[in-house]
Amino acid sequence: MKSIVLLVICLLSVFSGMAFELRISGKIRSLKPTEIAVETLRGECLMKASLEGRGEFAMGPVEISTGVYILRIGNFRRAYYLEGGNVTVKGFFDEQDVTKNQLVYTGLELHESLLSWIPSAKMGAQYRRLDPNISKELSPLKCATVAYLADLREPEQVTPVLELLSKRERKTEIGRWLLHRVDSLSAFGPGALVPDLKFKDMEGKIVSLRDLKGKYLLVDFWASWCGPCRQE
C-alpha cells in the first residue's frame, strides 16, 4: 500500500512539472490594427500576433506549465488559467470601449469551472471568503488561482491559501504572486504597524512617527503636481 501511495505522489510531482503545448487562434474584428499576446504574470511575452484586415490569427505552439497567464488584446488584459491545448477566440474587439466587446472563447472550460469558486461580488471586499471546501475539491495551485482571480485583499483571506502550497509550489508564478500578496498585506494592510516615517514639521525640524507614539496622528499624503494640494 505504501508503495502505491509513493508511486502516486511521484506521478503527481512529474505531471505538475510537465510542460504542455498551447495554441491560440481565431478571428477578431477590431476598429483598428492591434495586437494579441499571451504574457506571464511577470509581463514576459510568450507569443503574439497582429490583428488587422480580416482579423485572422494563429499563435503557437509554445510550451507552458499549468498556471495563470494574461491574454492581452491591445491594452486590454485578462487573466486565464491555462493547461495547454487549443484555445480559440472569435468576435469583435473595441479598445476604446471594452463594454462593447463581443468575444467568444473555446478551450477554456477548466478556467470557467474555477470561476464558480470566486466569492460573490455582492459582499463587501472585507467579507469575501473562499468556500472552506475549496481545498478538498481543488489542488493548492488552483486554490491560489481562485484567490488571484477573486483579487482577495485581506490577510485572513489569502494566508490560509498560501499555507496550502508546498515549497516547490511557492516557486511557481502564482505561488510567488501569493507570497508577495501576503507579504504586502502583512506590511501595509489594515492593522499593520506603520513604518517609522520621518518628515519635517512646520519649523523644519525632523520628526519621527515613533516620537509621536500614543498620540492621535493624521498623515496627509499629497502630490507636488496637485494644484489644490499645494494651495491647501
Foldseek 3Di string as FASTA:
>chain_A
DVVVVVVVVVVVVVLQPFWAWAKEWEWEAEPAKWKKFKAAPVGHTQWMDIQDDRGTDMIDGDIDGFAWIWIDIHNDIDIATDHHDYKYKYFYQYPVDRVPTDIDMPPRVVRVVLQVQQFDPVDDLVPGATDPCCVVVDQLRSVLVSCVNNVRQALVRLVVSLVRDDPVRCPDRSNVVSVVSNVCCCCDNPPHDDPFDWDADPVGDIDTVVVVPPHDDDDDDDDPVDPVVVVD
